[in-house]
Amino acid sequence: MKGKRQEKILEIIRTNDIETQEELTKKLSEAGFSSTQGTISRDIRELKLTKVTGANGKQKYAPIQTEDIHVSSKYKRVLSEGILHMDNAENILVIKTVPGMAMACAAAIDSISLHGVLGCIAGDDTIMCVVKETPMVEEVMKEIDTIMKGHR
């Protein structure tokens, strides 16, 4: 279901100028896919969609057109510049960031696909990162720290 929904999202944004998640949700519903805003938001992040200016001057969703290596480098730089401190509570990794950087850092962590990370939720300066199992949290923290040290 997820794969078919994501294929449909790509088809919709190729054939329509979609400005908002609400518009995308409506088009998906018309195509027979019932989705929540949270699901659409995750799909947009997983498909690496971004907003670009269309021919009419309005913003619309489009796939990012860059090489993965370049994107990974950007994400790693975001982590190294945004993260201040990490700590854990069981299988939850709590990450403190520079104010306003939590969303960017969470997106970077999700995009880098660190082993064991199920997903992140971000506020303004704090990320709650869910790790599959408690023993894996230390490994995830070390991986993030290694990425940050390599780009400072």
N, C-alpha and C. Protein backbone atom coordinates (compact mmCIF):
# COMPACT_ATOMS: atom_id res chain seq x y z
N MET A 1 0.83 -1.20 0.00
CA MET A 1 0.00 0.00 0.00
C MET A 1 0.88 1.26 0.00
N LYS A 2 1.90 1.27 0.86
CA LYS A 2 2.79 2.44 0.95
C LYS A 2 3.48 2.70 -0.38
N GLY A 3 4.01 1.65 -0.98
CA GLY A 3 4.71 1.80 -2.26
C GLY A 3 3.79 2.34 -3.35
N LYS A 4 2.58 1.81 -3.42
CA LYS A 4 1.62 2.27 -4.43
C LYS A 4 1.21 3.72 -4.17
N ARG A 5 1.03 4.06 -2.88
CA ARG A 5 0.65 5.43 -2.53
C ARG A 5 1.77 6.40 -2.93
N GLN A 6 3.03 6.01 -2.64
CA GLN A 6 4.14 6.88 -2.97
C GLN A 6 4.32 7.01 -4.49
N GLU A 7 4.09 5.94 -5.22
CA GLU A 7 4.12 6.02 -6.69
C GLU A 7 3.06 7.01 -7.18
N LYS A 8 1.87 6.93 -6.56
CA LYS A 8 0.77 7.83 -6.95
C LYS A 8 1.13 9.28 -6.61
N ILE A 9 1.79 9.50 -5.48
CA ILE A 9 2.21 10.86 -5.11
C ILE A 9 3.13 11.43 -6.19
N LEU A 10 4.10 10.63 -6.61
CA LEU A 10 5.04 11.08 -7.64
C LEU A 10 4.30 11.39 -8.95
N GLU A 11 3.34 10.54 -9.30
CA GLU A 11 2.55 10.77 -10.51
C GLU A 11 1.74 12.07 -10.38
N ILE A 12 1.14 12.27 -9.21
CA ILE A 12 0.32 13.47 -8.99
C ILE A 12 1.16 14.74 -9.10
N ILE A 13 2.35 14.75 -8.49
CA ILE A 13 3.15 15.98 -8.54
C ILE A 13 3.78 16.21 -9.92
N ARG A 14 3.91 15.14 -10.71
CA ARG A 14 4.40 15.31 -12.08
C ARG A 14 3.33 15.92 -12.98
N THR A 15 2.06 15.61 -12.71
CA THR A 15 0.98 16.04 -13.59
C THR A 15 0.18 17.23 -13.05
N ASN A 16 0.43 17.63 -11.81
CA ASN A 16 -0.29 18.75 -11.20
C ASN A 16 0.67 19.64 -10.43
N ASP A 17 0.34 20.92 -10.32
CA ASP A 17 1.10 21.83 -9.45
C ASP A 17 0.46 21.76 -8.07
N ILE A 18 1.07 20.97 -7.19
CA ILE A 18 0.55 20.77 -5.84
C ILE A 18 1.30 21.68 -4.88
N GLU A 19 0.58 22.62 -4.27
CA GLU A 19 1.19 23.59 -3.37
C GLU A 19 1.20 23.15 -1.91
N THR A 20 0.20 22.39 -1.48
CA THR A 20 0.06 22.06 -0.06
C THR A 20 -0.18 20.57 0.16
N GLN A 21 0.05 20.14 1.39
CA GLN A 21 -0.24 18.75 1.74
C GLN A 21 -1.73 18.48 1.65
N GLU A 22 -2.55 19.48 1.93
CA GLU A 22 -4.00 19.32 1.83
C GLU A 22 -4.41 19.01 0.40
N GLU A 23 -3.82 19.74 -0.57
CA GLU A 23 -4.11 19.48 -1.99
C GLU A 23 -3.69 18.06 -2.37
N LEU A 24 -2.52 17.67 -1.88
CA LEU A 24 -2.02 16.33 -2.19
C LEU A 24 -2.93 15.27 -1.58
N THR A 25 -3.37 15.48 -0.34
CA THR A 25 -4.28 14.54 0.33
C THR A 25 -5.58 14.42 -0.47
N LYS A 26 -6.11 15.55 -0.97
CA LYS A 26 -7.35 15.54 -1.76
C LYS A 26 -7.17 14.74 -3.05
N LYS A 27 -6.06 14.99 -3.76
CA LYS A 27 -5.80 14.26 -5.01
C LYS A 27 -5.64 12.75 -4.75
N LEU A 28 -4.95 12.42 -3.65
CA LEU A 28 -4.79 11.00 -3.30
C LEU A 28 -6.14 10.36 -3.01
N SER A 29 -6.98 11.10 -2.28
CA SER A 29 -8.32 10.60 -1.94
C SER A 29 -9.13 10.36 -3.22
N GLU A 30 -9.04 11.29 -4.16
CA GLU A 30 -9.75 11.14 -5.45
C GLU A 30 -9.25 9.92 -6.21
N ALA A 31 -7.99 9.54 -5.97
CA ALA A 31 -7.40 8.37 -6.64
C ALA A 31 -7.63 7.08 -5.83
N GLY A 32 -8.35 7.20 -4.70
CA GLY A 32 -8.68 6.01 -3.92
C GLY A 32 -7.72 5.70 -2.78
N PHE A 33 -6.87 6.65 -2.42
CA PHE A 33 -5.91 6.46 -1.32
C PHE A 33 -6.31 7.36 -0.15
N SER A 34 -6.71 6.74 0.96
CA SER A 34 -7.06 7.48 2.16
C SER A 34 -5.81 7.63 3.02
N SER A 35 -5.42 8.87 3.34
CA SER A 35 -4.19 9.10 4.09
C SER A 35 -4.37 10.24 5.09
N THR A 36 -3.61 10.16 6.18
CA THR A 36 -3.60 11.24 7.16
C THR A 36 -2.51 12.24 6.81
N GLN A 37 -2.54 13.40 7.45
CA GLN A 37 -1.52 14.42 7.23
C GLN A 37 -0.15 13.89 7.64
N GLY A 38 -0.10 13.13 8.72
CA GLY A 38 1.17 12.55 9.19
C GLY A 38 1.76 11.60 8.16
N THR A 39 0.92 10.78 7.55
CA THR A 39 1.38 9.84 6.53
C THR A 39 1.91 10.60 5.31
N ILE A 40 1.19 11.62 4.90
CA ILE A 40 1.62 12.43 3.74
C ILE A 40 2.96 13.10 4.06
N SER A 41 3.09 13.63 5.26
CA SER A 41 4.33 14.29 5.67
C SER A 41 5.51 13.33 5.61
N ARG A 42 5.32 12.10 6.11
CA ARG A 42 6.37 11.07 6.06
C ARG A 42 6.70 10.69 4.62
N ASP A 43 5.66 10.55 3.80
CA ASP A 43 5.89 10.22 2.38
C ASP A 43 6.71 11.31 1.69
N ILE A 44 6.38 12.56 1.97
CA ILE A 44 7.11 13.68 1.36
C ILE A 44 8.58 13.61 1.76
N ARG A 45 8.84 13.32 3.03
CA ARG A 45 10.23 13.23 3.51
C ARG A 45 10.93 12.02 2.89
N GLU A 46 10.28 10.87 2.87
CA GLU A 46 10.89 9.65 2.32
C GLU A 46 11.15 9.77 0.82
N LEU A 47 10.27 10.44 0.12
CA LEU A 47 10.43 10.62 -1.33
C LEU A 47 11.39 11.78 -1.65
N LYS A 48 11.85 12.46 -0.60
CA LYS A 48 12.77 13.60 -0.74
C LYS A 48 12.19 14.65 -1.67
N LEU A 49 10.93 15.02 -1.38
CA LEU A 49 10.29 16.08 -2.15
C LEU A 49 10.62 17.42 -1.52
N THR A 50 10.66 18.43 -2.34
CA THR A 50 10.91 19.79 -1.87
C THR A 50 9.96 20.71 -2.61
N LYS A 51 9.90 21.95 -2.19
CA LYS A 51 9.06 22.92 -2.90
C LYS A 51 9.95 23.75 -3.82
N VAL A 52 9.46 23.94 -5.05
CA VAL A 52 10.15 24.76 -6.03
C VAL A 52 9.15 25.76 -6.59
N THR A 53 9.64 26.80 -7.21
CA THR A 53 8.77 27.79 -7.83
C THR A 53 8.38 27.29 -9.22
N GLY A 54 7.07 27.21 -9.46
CA GLY A 54 6.56 26.75 -10.75
C GLY A 54 6.55 27.88 -11.76
N ALA A 55 6.15 27.56 -12.98
CA ALA A 55 6.10 28.54 -14.07
C ALA A 55 5.15 29.69 -13.75
N ASN A 56 4.13 29.42 -12.94
CA ASN A 56 3.15 30.45 -12.58
C ASN A 56 3.61 31.30 -11.39
N GLY A 57 4.81 31.03 -10.87
CA GLY A 57 5.34 31.79 -9.74
C GLY A 57 4.95 31.26 -8.38
N LYS A 58 4.10 30.24 -8.35
CA LYS A 58 3.66 29.65 -7.09
C LYS A 58 4.55 28.47 -6.73
N GLN A 59 4.59 28.15 -5.44
CA GLN A 59 5.37 27.01 -4.96
C GLN A 59 4.64 25.71 -5.27
N LYS A 60 5.43 24.65 -5.56
CA LYS A 60 4.85 23.34 -5.80
C LYS A 60 5.85 22.27 -5.37
N TYR A 61 5.34 21.08 -5.08
CA TYR A 61 6.20 19.96 -4.70
C TYR A 61 6.90 19.39 -5.92
N ALA A 62 8.18 19.01 -5.73
CA ALA A 62 8.97 18.38 -6.79
C ALA A 62 10.05 17.52 -6.12
N PRO A 63 10.52 16.47 -6.81
CA PRO A 63 11.61 15.66 -6.25
C PRO A 63 12.91 16.46 -6.24
N ILE A 64 13.75 16.24 -5.24
CA ILE A 64 15.06 16.87 -5.19
C ILE A 64 15.89 16.30 -6.33
N GLN A 65 16.52 17.16 -7.10
CA GLN A 65 17.30 16.74 -8.26
C GLN A 65 18.80 16.88 -8.01
N THR A 66 19.30 16.22 -6.98
CA THR A 66 20.73 16.28 -6.69
C THR A 66 21.26 14.87 -6.47
N GLU A 67 22.56 14.73 -6.53
CA GLU A 67 23.17 13.43 -6.30
C GLU A 67 23.12 13.09 -4.82
N ASP A 68 22.92 11.80 -4.49
CA ASP A 68 22.83 11.37 -3.10
C ASP A 68 24.06 11.73 -2.29
N ILE A 69 25.25 11.62 -2.88
CA ILE A 69 26.48 11.93 -2.16
C ILE A 69 26.46 13.39 -1.72
N HIS A 70 26.04 14.27 -2.61
CA HIS A 70 25.98 15.69 -2.30
C HIS A 70 24.97 15.95 -1.19
N VAL A 71 23.79 15.32 -1.27
CA VAL A 71 22.77 15.49 -0.26
C VAL A 71 23.27 14.96 1.07
N SER A 72 23.89 13.81 1.08
CA SER A 72 24.42 13.24 2.32
C SER A 72 25.41 14.19 2.97
N SER A 73 26.25 14.80 2.17
CA SER A 73 27.23 15.75 2.67
C SER A 73 26.53 16.94 3.35
N LYS A 74 25.46 17.40 2.73
CA LYS A 74 24.70 18.51 3.32
C LYS A 74 24.07 18.08 4.64
N TYR A 75 23.49 16.90 4.67
CA TYR A 75 22.86 16.43 5.90
C TYR A 75 23.89 16.27 7.01
N LYS A 76 25.05 15.76 6.67
CA LYS A 76 26.10 15.58 7.67
C LYS A 76 26.55 16.94 8.21
N ARG A 77 26.62 17.94 7.34
CA ARG A 77 27.00 19.29 7.78
C ARG A 77 25.92 19.86 8.70
N VAL A 78 24.66 19.63 8.38
CA VAL A 78 23.56 20.10 9.22
C VAL A 78 23.68 19.50 10.62
N LEU A 79 23.98 18.20 10.69
CA LEU A 79 24.14 17.56 12.00
C LEU A 79 25.30 18.16 12.78
N SER A 80 26.42 18.34 12.12
CA SER A 80 27.61 18.83 12.83
C SER A 80 27.42 20.27 13.31
N GLU A 81 26.66 21.05 12.58
CA GLU A 81 26.44 22.44 12.96
C GLU A 81 25.23 22.64 13.86
N GLY A 82 24.31 21.67 13.86
CA GLY A 82 23.06 21.84 14.61
C GLY A 82 22.99 21.17 15.96
N ILE A 83 23.64 20.02 16.12
CA ILE A 83 23.50 19.25 17.36
C ILE A 83 24.43 19.78 18.44
N LEU A 84 23.85 19.98 19.63
CA LEU A 84 24.62 20.44 20.79
C LEU A 84 24.93 19.31 21.76
N HIS A 85 23.94 18.43 21.99
CA HIS A 85 24.08 17.40 23.02
C HIS A 85 23.11 16.25 22.75
N MET A 86 23.52 15.03 23.12
CA MET A 86 22.65 13.86 22.99
C MET A 86 22.62 13.11 24.32
N ASP A 87 21.46 12.57 24.66
CA ASP A 87 21.31 11.74 25.85
C ASP A 87 20.20 10.74 25.57
N ASN A 88 20.15 9.67 26.35
CA ASN A 88 19.11 8.68 26.09
C ASN A 88 18.28 8.37 27.32
N ALA A 89 17.05 7.91 27.05
CA ALA A 89 16.12 7.41 28.05
C ALA A 89 15.55 6.13 27.46
N GLU A 90 16.10 5.00 27.90
CA GLU A 90 15.72 3.70 27.33
C GLU A 90 16.03 3.70 25.83
N ASN A 91 15.00 3.46 24.99
CA ASN A 91 15.24 3.40 23.54
C ASN A 91 14.96 4.73 22.84
N ILE A 92 14.83 5.79 23.61
CA ILE A 92 14.60 7.13 23.05
C ILE A 92 15.89 7.92 23.15
N LEU A 93 16.35 8.43 22.02
CA LEU A 93 17.52 9.30 21.98
C LEU A 93 17.00 10.73 21.94
N VAL A 94 17.38 11.52 22.95
CA VAL A 94 16.97 12.92 23.02
C VAL A 94 18.15 13.77 22.55
N ILE A 95 17.91 14.57 21.54
CA ILE A 95 18.97 15.38 20.93
C ILE A 95 18.62 16.85 21.06
N LYS A 96 19.50 17.61 21.71
CA LYS A 96 19.33 19.05 21.84
C LYS A 96 20.09 19.72 20.69
N THR A 97 19.45 20.71 20.07
CA THR A 97 20.05 21.40 18.93
C THR A 97 20.08 22.91 19.16
N VAL A 98 20.76 23.58 18.27
CA VAL A 98 20.71 25.03 18.21
C VAL A 98 19.24 25.39 17.96
N PRO A 99 18.72 26.45 18.61
CA PRO A 99 17.31 26.82 18.36
C PRO A 99 17.01 26.96 16.88
N GLY A 100 15.89 26.34 16.47
CA GLY A 100 15.45 26.39 15.09
C GLY A 100 16.04 25.32 14.19
N MET A 101 16.93 24.49 14.70
CA MET A 101 17.61 23.49 13.87
C MET A 101 17.10 22.06 14.06
N ALA A 102 16.19 21.84 14.98
CA ALA A 102 15.75 20.47 15.27
C ALA A 102 15.11 19.80 14.05
N MET A 103 14.25 20.51 13.32
CA MET A 103 13.58 19.90 12.16
C MET A 103 14.59 19.49 11.10
N ALA A 104 15.57 20.36 10.83
CA ALA A 104 16.59 20.05 9.81
C ALA A 104 17.43 18.86 10.25
N CYS A 105 17.82 18.83 11.51
CA CYS A 105 18.63 17.71 12.02
C CYS A 105 17.84 16.40 12.00
N ALA A 106 16.57 16.46 12.38
CA ALA A 106 15.73 15.26 12.36
C ALA A 106 15.57 14.73 10.93
N ALA A 107 15.37 15.63 9.98
CA ALA A 107 15.25 15.22 8.58
C ALA A 107 16.56 14.59 8.11
N ALA A 108 17.68 15.15 8.55
CA ALA A 108 18.98 14.59 8.16
C ALA A 108 19.15 13.19 8.73
N ILE A 109 18.81 13.00 9.99
CA ILE A 109 18.93 11.69 10.62
C ILE A 109 18.04 10.68 9.90
N ASP A 110 16.80 11.07 9.60
CA ASP A 110 15.89 10.17 8.87
C ASP A 110 16.43 9.84 7.48
N SER A 111 16.99 10.83 6.80
CA SER A 111 17.48 10.62 5.44
C SER A 111 18.74 9.78 5.37
N ILE A 112 19.59 9.93 6.38
CA ILE A 112 20.84 9.16 6.39
C ILE A 112 20.57 7.68 6.66
N SER A 113 19.41 7.37 7.21
CA SER A 113 19.00 5.99 7.47
C SER A 113 19.98 5.25 8.37
N LEU A 114 20.19 5.78 9.56
CA LEU A 114 21.06 5.12 10.53
C LEU A 114 20.44 3.81 10.99
N HIS A 115 21.24 2.78 11.10
CA HIS A 115 20.77 1.46 11.51
C HIS A 115 20.12 1.54 12.89
N GLY A 116 18.89 1.08 13.00
CA GLY A 116 18.19 1.03 14.27
C GLY A 116 17.27 2.21 14.52
N VAL A 117 17.40 3.28 13.76
CA VAL A 117 16.55 4.45 13.97
C VAL A 117 15.21 4.22 13.27
N LEU A 118 14.13 4.28 14.05
CA LEU A 118 12.80 4.09 13.49
C LEU A 118 12.20 5.39 12.98
N GLY A 119 12.59 6.51 13.60
CA GLY A 119 12.08 7.80 13.16
C GLY A 119 12.33 8.87 14.20
N CYS A 120 12.12 10.11 13.79
CA CYS A 120 12.36 11.25 14.66
C CYS A 120 11.16 12.19 14.67
N ILE A 121 10.97 12.85 15.81
CA ILE A 121 9.98 13.91 15.95
C ILE A 121 10.75 15.11 16.48
N ALA A 122 10.53 16.28 15.87
CA ALA A 122 11.31 17.46 16.25
C ALA A 122 10.43 18.63 16.64
N GLY A 123 10.94 19.38 17.61
CA GLY A 123 10.33 20.65 17.98
C GLY A 123 11.23 21.74 17.44
N ASP A 124 11.46 22.78 18.23
CA ASP A 124 12.32 23.89 17.82
C ASP A 124 13.79 23.58 18.07
N ASP A 125 14.08 23.04 19.26
CA ASP A 125 15.48 22.77 19.61
C ASP A 125 15.69 21.40 20.24
N THR A 126 14.70 20.52 20.10
CA THR A 126 14.80 19.18 20.67
C THR A 126 14.24 18.15 19.71
N ILE A 127 14.95 17.02 19.61
CA ILE A 127 14.51 15.91 18.77
C ILE A 127 14.31 14.70 19.66
N MET A 128 13.22 13.99 19.44
CA MET A 128 13.00 12.70 20.07
C MET A 128 13.18 11.67 18.96
N CYS A 129 14.24 10.88 19.07
CA CYS A 129 14.59 9.90 18.06
C CYS A 129 14.34 8.50 18.64
N VAL A 130 13.44 7.76 18.02
CA VAL A 130 13.09 6.43 18.52
C VAL A 130 14.03 5.40 17.87
N VAL A 131 14.69 4.64 18.75
CA VAL A 131 15.61 3.60 18.30
C VAL A 131 14.95 2.26 18.58
N LYS A 132 15.12 1.31 17.68
CA LYS A 132 14.42 0.03 17.75
C LYS A 132 14.59 -0.67 19.10
N GLU A 133 15.81 -0.75 19.60
CA GLU A 133 16.06 -1.44 20.86
C GLU A 133 17.01 -0.61 21.72
N THR A 134 16.82 -0.66 23.03
CA THR A 134 17.64 0.12 23.97
C THR A 134 19.14 -0.08 23.76
N PRO A 135 19.64 -1.32 23.60
CA PRO A 135 21.09 -1.49 23.42
C PRO A 135 21.65 -0.80 22.17
N MET A 136 20.80 -0.49 21.21
CA MET A 136 21.25 0.12 19.96
C MET A 136 21.47 1.64 20.09
N VAL A 137 20.95 2.24 21.16
CA VAL A 137 21.02 3.70 21.31
C VAL A 137 22.46 4.18 21.34
N GLU A 138 23.32 3.50 22.11
CA GLU A 138 24.73 3.90 22.19
C GLU A 138 25.39 3.86 20.82
N GLU A 139 25.08 2.83 20.04
CA GLU A 139 25.63 2.69 18.69
C GLU A 139 25.17 3.85 17.79
N VAL A 140 23.90 4.21 17.88
CA VAL A 140 23.37 5.32 17.09
C VAL A 140 24.05 6.62 17.50
N MET A 141 24.20 6.84 18.81
CA MET A 141 24.87 8.05 19.29
C MET A 141 26.31 8.12 18.77
N LYS A 142 27.01 6.99 18.77
CA LYS A 142 28.39 6.95 18.27
C LYS A 142 28.43 7.26 16.77
N GLU A 143 27.46 6.70 16.00
CA GLU A 143 27.41 6.96 14.56
C GLU A 143 27.19 8.45 14.29
N ILE A 144 26.26 9.06 15.01
CA ILE A 144 25.99 10.49 14.83
C ILE A 144 27.23 11.30 15.21
N ASP A 145 27.85 10.93 16.33
CA ASP A 145 29.06 11.64 16.78
C ASP A 145 30.19 11.52 15.74
N THR A 146 30.35 10.35 15.16
CA THR A 146 31.37 10.14 14.12
C THR A 146 31.09 11.03 12.91
N ILE A 147 29.84 11.09 12.51
CA ILE A 147 29.45 11.95 11.38
C ILE A 147 29.76 13.40 11.70
N MET A 148 29.43 13.83 12.90
CA MET A 148 29.66 15.22 13.30
C MET A 148 31.15 15.56 13.35
N LYS A 149 31.96 14.66 13.90
CA LYS A 149 33.40 14.91 14.00
C LYS A 149 34.06 14.97 12.64
N GLY A 150 33.52 14.21 11.70
CA GLY A 150 34.09 14.18 10.36
C GLY A 150 33.77 15.43 9.54
N HIS A 151 32.87 16.28 10.05
CA HIS A 151 32.46 17.45 9.28
C HIS A 151 32.53 18.73 10.08
N ARG A 152 33.43 18.78 11.08
CA ARG A 152 33.59 20.02 11.85
C ARG A 152 34.83 20.71 11.47
